Amino acid sequence: MTEWSQHMLKRTVRRSCQLSAKSEAKDLQTSCGLQISTTTMCRELHGMGFHGRAAVFKPYITKCNAKCRMQWCKACQH
């Protein structure tokens, strides 16, 4: 990849950070006319310091659970 194509790749990833590699490749193909495979794109993004991460699921605290937690905290305070 040339420096210009790396610059365009970095720019598109920063603009839309939640897209997959396939959709990013299609976006680069349509906007810049670059023919790039998804594996090449992933390799270049890893080299630039971009790594895909999945968000950790955190369950919501229900009112009942919050009440029970508060009771437990008050009971174990001392």
Protein backbone atom coordinates (compact mmCIF):
# COMPACT_ATOMS: atom_id res chain seq x y z
CA MET A 1 0.00 0.00 0.00
CA THR A 2 1.16 3.51 -0.72
CA GLU A 3 1.35 6.25 1.90
CA TRP A 4 -1.69 7.94 0.38
CA SER A 5 -3.79 4.78 0.58
CA GLN A 6 -2.68 4.23 4.19
CA HIS A 7 -3.67 7.80 4.98
CA MET A 8 -7.08 7.32 3.39
CA LEU A 9 -7.56 4.03 5.26
CA LYS A 10 -6.73 5.65 8.59
CA ARG A 11 -9.06 8.53 7.82
CA THR A 12 -12.02 6.32 6.96
CA VAL A 13 -11.51 4.13 10.03
CA ARG A 14 -11.42 7.14 12.35
CA ARG A 15 -14.57 8.51 10.77
CA SER A 16 -16.58 5.31 11.15
CA CYS A 17 -14.97 3.26 13.90
CA GLN A 18 -17.69 0.61 14.24
CA LEU A 19 -17.69 -0.81 10.74
CA SER A 20 -16.33 -4.22 9.79
CA ALA A 21 -13.30 -4.76 7.58
CA LYS A 22 -15.49 -5.80 4.64
CA SER A 23 -17.58 -2.65 4.79
CA GLU A 24 -14.46 -0.52 5.18
CA ALA A 25 -12.94 -2.17 2.09
CA LYS A 26 -16.11 -1.44 0.11
CA ASP A 27 -16.07 2.15 1.35
CA LEU A 28 -12.47 2.62 0.21
CA GLN A 29 -13.25 1.04 -3.15
CA THR A 30 -16.16 3.37 -3.81
CA SER A 31 -14.69 6.59 -2.42
CA CYS A 32 -11.04 6.32 -3.47
CA GLY A 33 -11.02 3.67 -6.16
CA LEU A 34 -8.62 1.43 -4.19
CA GLN A 35 -8.81 -2.31 -4.74
CA ILE A 36 -7.84 -3.78 -1.37
CA SER A 37 -8.59 -7.14 0.21
CA THR A 38 -9.93 -7.48 3.73
CA THR A 39 -6.84 -9.36 4.93
CA THR A 40 -4.55 -6.62 3.64
CA MET A 41 -6.76 -4.05 5.29
CA CYS A 42 -6.69 -5.88 8.63
CA ARG A 43 -2.92 -6.26 8.44
CA GLU A 44 -2.45 -2.57 7.70
CA LEU A 45 -4.85 -1.53 10.47
CA HIS A 46 -3.02 -3.71 12.99
CA GLY A 47 0.23 -2.09 11.89
CA MET A 48 -1.30 1.36 12.46
CA GLY A 49 -2.40 0.39 15.97
CA PHE A 50 -6.10 -0.24 15.32
CA HIS A 51 -7.37 -3.47 16.87
CA GLY A 52 -10.92 -4.80 16.87
CA ARG A 53 -12.42 -5.14 20.30
CA ALA A 54 -15.83 -6.36 21.37
CA ALA A 55 -17.52 -4.48 24.17
CA VAL A 56 -18.04 -6.41 27.39
CA PHE A 57 -21.67 -7.04 28.24
CA LYS A 58 -22.69 -5.49 31.55
CA PRO A 59 -26.13 -6.39 32.84
CA TYR A 60 -28.34 -3.57 34.06
CA ILE A 61 -28.97 -3.29 37.79
CA THR A 62 -32.64 -3.80 38.53
CA LYS A 63 -34.41 -1.91 41.30
CA CYS A 64 -34.75 -5.11 43.31
CA ASN A 65 -31.05 -5.90 42.92
CA ALA A 66 -30.05 -2.34 43.87
CA LYS A 67 -32.22 -2.54 46.99
CA CYS A 68 -30.69 -5.88 48.00
CA ARG A 69 -27.18 -4.54 47.43
CA MET A 70 -27.89 -1.48 49.57
CA GLN A 71 -29.21 -3.68 52.37
CA TRP A 72 -26.12 -5.87 52.18
CA CYS A 73 -23.81 -2.81 52.22
CA LYS A 74 -25.53 -1.37 55.28
CA ALA A 75 -25.43 -4.75 57.06
CA CYS A 76 -21.71 -5.22 56.35
CA GLN A 77 -20.70 -1.62 56.94
CA HIS A 78 -18.83 -2.26 60.19
